[in-house]
Protein backbone atom coordinates (compact mmCIF):
# COMPACT_ATOMS: atom_id res chain seq x y z
CA MET A 1 152.31 95.20 135.79
CA THR A 2 149.89 94.84 138.70
CA LYS A 3 150.33 91.57 140.52
CA VAL A 4 147.03 89.72 140.39
CA ASN A 5 146.01 87.52 143.28
CA ASN A 6 142.71 86.96 145.10
CA LYS A 7 142.66 90.56 146.34
CA LEU A 8 142.02 93.65 144.28
CA ARG A 9 141.34 97.19 145.41
CA ILE A 10 138.90 98.91 143.09
CA LEU A 11 137.70 102.50 142.75
CA LEU A 12 134.37 103.07 141.01
CA ALA A 13 133.35 106.37 139.37
CA ASP A 14 129.97 106.96 137.74
CA ASP A 15 127.49 109.78 138.19
CA HIS A 16 124.52 107.40 138.28
CA GLU A 17 123.81 105.73 141.62
CA LEU A 18 121.95 102.83 140.00
CA ILE A 19 124.94 102.00 137.79
CA ARG A 20 127.33 102.13 140.75
CA CYS A 21 125.00 99.93 142.77
CA GLY A 22 124.83 97.36 139.98
CA ILE A 23 128.60 97.34 139.57
CA ARG A 24 129.13 96.97 143.33
CA GLY A 25 126.84 93.94 143.30
CA ILE A 26 128.77 92.32 140.45
CA LEU A 27 132.16 92.98 142.03
CA LYS A 28 131.14 91.80 145.50
CA SER A 29 130.36 88.39 144.03
CA HIS A 30 134.09 87.98 143.42
CA ARG A 31 135.79 87.03 146.66
CA GLY A 32 138.66 89.26 147.68
CA TRP A 33 137.73 92.21 145.48
CA THR A 34 136.93 95.38 147.40
CA VAL A 35 135.48 98.68 146.25
CA VAL A 36 137.66 100.99 148.36
CA ALA A 37 136.09 104.26 147.15
CA GLU A 38 133.44 105.72 144.87
CA ALA A 39 133.17 109.01 142.99
CA VAL A 40 130.35 110.75 141.18
CA ASP A 41 132.49 112.84 138.81
CA GLY A 42 135.89 112.87 137.13
CA GLU A 43 137.58 115.22 139.56
CA GLY A 44 136.46 113.09 142.50
CA ALA A 45 137.81 109.99 140.75
CA VAL A 46 141.24 111.60 140.31
CA GLU A 47 141.37 112.87 143.90
CA LYS A 48 140.27 109.57 145.44
CA THR A 49 142.66 107.59 143.26
CA HIS A 50 145.55 109.61 144.69
CA ILE A 51 144.28 108.95 148.22
CA PHE A 52 143.34 105.25 148.01
CA ARG A 53 145.72 104.13 145.23
CA PRO A 54 143.50 101.30 143.94
CA ASP A 55 144.68 98.55 141.63
CA VAL A 56 141.87 99.20 139.16
CA VAL A 57 139.78 102.31 138.51
CA ILE A 58 136.45 101.83 136.75
CA LEU A 59 135.41 105.08 135.06
CA ASP A 60 132.31 106.16 133.22
CA VAL A 61 133.47 107.96 130.07
CA THR A 62 130.82 110.69 130.46
CA MET A 63 130.89 112.42 133.84
CA PRO A 64 130.48 115.99 135.10
CA ARG A 65 133.39 118.26 136.03
CA LEU A 66 135.90 116.00 134.24
CA ASP A 67 135.17 113.32 131.64
CA GLY A 68 136.52 109.80 131.87
CA LEU A 69 139.19 110.37 129.22
CA GLU A 70 140.78 113.36 130.95
CA ALA A 71 140.39 111.67 134.33
CA THR A 72 142.26 108.67 132.92
CA ARG A 73 145.12 110.88 131.72
CA GLN A 74 145.43 112.62 135.07
CA ILE A 75 145.27 109.37 137.04
CA LEU A 76 147.92 107.63 134.96
CA ALA A 77 150.20 110.66 135.02
CA THR A 78 150.90 110.03 138.72
CA GLU A 79 149.56 106.55 139.55
CA GLN A 80 151.41 104.36 137.10
CA HIS A 81 150.60 101.14 138.94
CA THR A 82 146.84 101.77 138.56
CA ARG A 83 144.92 100.29 135.64
CA VAL A 84 141.89 102.06 134.17
CA LEU A 85 138.77 100.39 132.79
CA ILE A 86 136.31 102.58 130.90
CA LEU A 87 132.55 102.07 130.92
CA THR A 88 130.45 103.59 128.16
CA MET A 89 127.36 103.34 126.02
CA HIS A 90 129.29 104.46 122.91
CA GLU A 91 129.67 101.74 120.27
CA SER A 92 132.30 103.49 118.17
CA ASP A 93 135.79 102.58 116.98
CA GLN A 94 136.67 106.29 117.18
CA MET A 95 135.79 106.30 120.88
CA VAL A 96 137.81 103.13 121.42
CA ARG A 97 140.85 104.83 119.89
CA ARG A 98 140.37 107.88 122.13
CA VAL A 99 140.06 105.66 125.21
CA LEU A 100 143.20 103.67 124.41
CA GLU A 101 145.14 106.80 123.52
CA ALA A 102 144.25 108.19 126.94
CA GLY A 103 145.91 105.13 128.48
CA ALA A 104 142.93 103.01 129.58
CA ARG A 105 143.37 99.25 129.26
CA GLY A 106 139.75 98.20 129.04
CA TYR A 107 136.54 99.21 127.25
CA VAL A 108 133.24 97.74 128.40
CA LEU A 109 129.77 98.61 127.17
CA LYS A 110 127.31 99.23 129.98
CA SER A 111 124.94 96.80 128.27
CA ASP A 112 127.58 94.09 128.79
CA LEU A 113 128.31 94.75 132.47
CA SER A 114 126.66 91.63 133.85
CA THR A 115 128.50 89.27 131.49
CA GLN A 116 131.83 91.02 130.89
CA LEU A 117 132.77 93.15 133.90
CA VAL A 118 134.45 90.51 136.07
CA ASN A 119 136.65 89.23 133.24
CA ALA A 120 137.40 92.80 132.18
CA VAL A 121 138.59 93.76 135.67
CA ARG A 122 140.68 90.59 135.91
CA GLN A 123 142.37 91.13 132.54
CA VAL A 124 142.97 94.84 133.06
CA ALA A 125 144.46 94.18 136.52
CA ARG A 126 146.94 91.84 134.85
CA GLY A 127 147.94 94.64 132.49
CA ASN A 128 146.16 93.09 129.54
CA LEU A 129 143.98 94.93 127.06
CA PHE A 130 140.30 94.07 127.24
CA LEU A 131 137.55 94.87 124.75
CA THR A 132 134.13 93.27 124.91
CA PRO A 133 133.36 91.01 121.91
CA LYS A 134 130.95 93.51 120.36
CA ILE A 135 133.50 96.30 120.60
CA SER A 136 136.22 94.04 119.14
CA GLN A 137 133.98 93.48 116.11
CA ILE A 138 133.38 97.22 115.75
CA VAL A 139 137.12 97.92 115.93
CA VAL A 140 137.92 95.24 113.35
CA GLN A 141 135.18 96.53 111.03
CA GLY A 142 136.49 100.07 111.44
CA PHE A 143 139.97 98.87 110.52
CA LEU A 144 138.67 97.03 107.45
CA ASP A 145 136.66 100.07 106.35
CA ALA A 146 139.74 102.28 106.75
CA GLN A 147 141.76 99.80 104.67
CA LYS A 148 139.16 99.94 101.89
CA VAL A 149 139.29 103.73 101.86
CA SER A 150 143.08 103.64 101.83
CA ARG A 151 143.14 101.22 98.90
CA ARG A 152 140.65 103.38 96.97
CA ASN A 153 142.82 106.43 97.61
CA GLU A 154 145.94 104.55 96.52
CA ARG A 155 144.25 103.45 93.32
CA ALA A 156 143.11 107.01 92.64
CA GLU A 157 146.60 108.35 93.29
CA SER A 158 148.16 105.71 91.02
CA ARG A 159 145.99 106.57 88.04
CA PRO A 160 147.84 108.68 85.47
CA SER A 161 146.62 112.21 84.83
CA PRO A 162 145.27 113.19 81.39
CA ARG A 163 148.65 114.76 80.51
CA GLU A 164 150.47 111.61 81.63
CA VAL A 165 148.12 109.48 79.52
CA GLU A 166 149.10 111.57 76.49
CA ILE A 167 152.78 111.02 77.21
CA ILE A 168 152.29 107.29 77.80
CA ARG A 169 150.51 107.01 74.44
CA LEU A 170 153.32 108.81 72.62
CA LEU A 171 156.05 106.81 74.37
CA ALA A 172 154.24 103.59 73.48
CA GLN A 173 154.22 104.78 69.85
CA GLY A 174 158.00 104.99 69.98
CA ARG A 175 158.30 108.78 70.16
CA THR A 176 161.42 110.25 71.72
CA ASN A 177 161.34 112.80 74.55
CA LYS A 178 162.24 115.53 72.05
CA GLU A 179 159.41 114.52 69.70
CA ILE A 180 156.92 114.41 72.59
CA ALA A 181 158.00 117.89 73.72
CA ALA A 182 157.37 119.24 70.21
CA ALA A 183 154.04 117.43 69.84
CA LEU A 184 152.68 118.70 73.17
CA ASP A 185 154.37 122.10 73.03
CA ILE A 186 156.17 121.60 76.34
CA THR A 187 159.86 121.63 77.22
CA PHE A 188 162.18 118.65 76.94
CA ARG A 189 162.80 118.82 80.73
CA THR A 190 159.04 118.75 81.41
CA VAL A 191 158.75 115.57 79.37
CA GLN A 192 161.60 114.03 81.37
CA THR A 193 159.88 114.95 84.63
CA HIS A 194 156.55 113.52 83.49
CA ARG A 195 158.23 110.34 82.31
CA ALA A 196 160.01 109.83 85.64
CA ASN A 197 156.78 110.49 87.55
CA ILE A 198 154.87 108.02 85.39
CA MET A 199 157.42 105.26 85.95
CA HIS A 200 157.40 105.87 89.71
CA LYS A 201 153.61 106.17 90.02
CA LEU A 202 152.93 103.01 88.02
CA ALA A 203 155.90 101.09 89.48
CA LEU A 204 157.32 100.49 86.00
CA HIS A 205 161.01 99.87 85.38
CA SER A 206 161.46 99.96 81.62
CA LEU A 207 159.98 101.29 78.42
CA THR A 208 158.84 97.75 77.59
CA GLU A 209 156.82 97.58 80.82
CA LEU A 210 155.32 100.99 80.02
CA ILE A 211 154.27 99.80 76.54
CA HIS A 212 152.66 96.69 78.06
CA TYR A 213 150.83 98.93 80.56
CA ALA A 214 149.60 101.17 77.75
CA ILE A 215 148.27 98.22 75.74
CA ARG A 216 146.71 96.56 78.81
CA ASN A 217 144.87 99.76 79.69
CA LYS A 218 143.92 100.54 76.07
CA ILE A 219 145.96 103.72 76.00
CA ALA A 220 147.79 102.37 72.95
CA THR A 221 147.29 99.45 70.60
CA LEU A 222 149.66 96.96 69.06
CA PRO A 223 150.76 98.04 65.58
CA SER A 224 149.08 96.11 62.78
CA PRO A 225 151.28 93.60 60.88
CA GLY A 226 153.10 95.27 58.02
CA THR A 227 152.79 98.80 59.42
């Protein structure tokens, strides 16, 4: 982990002069922080990182010659003490995942530079992960959406097939495997396989539980008194 004190050496890479100028102004307001080098593309960022060995590299994610993601990978492959902070306009949980997978420790929207950059640099230099509040919300929402999709898929996978529904109905009626095989014109072994799959899919552990499931889901009905 980078030791954080009042001094930090920072490399800045962005292909827009106005952005670099604005970032320099923000960083200079923090005493002891020095921009030791600047680059206008990804290849320049990698080369200058090897030369100047800064504590923190601030990279635009979209740059000519080499994008910020690949530049991050190449920097961290040889400069393990350096921490990378990514700047971007992309408000996407997919982009956040790509950035973190590349090894960057921070993700800051360019629209949040004036309010978030100093804290982002400080946290990343300490080895901490930093996401701006808006990006944190996007990531959390993406996670929740993925969970909903996963639950829907699980529910779909746990629903019995039409053939399994037939077998559940016959089992709930008290039919034996042999009788079910004859009724559906399938082999005894096929009935056994279906029955095992049904119990596993529905997390049932006994014929009684299966009967209760069948009644609950209106696959079968309770026999009338006296029948």
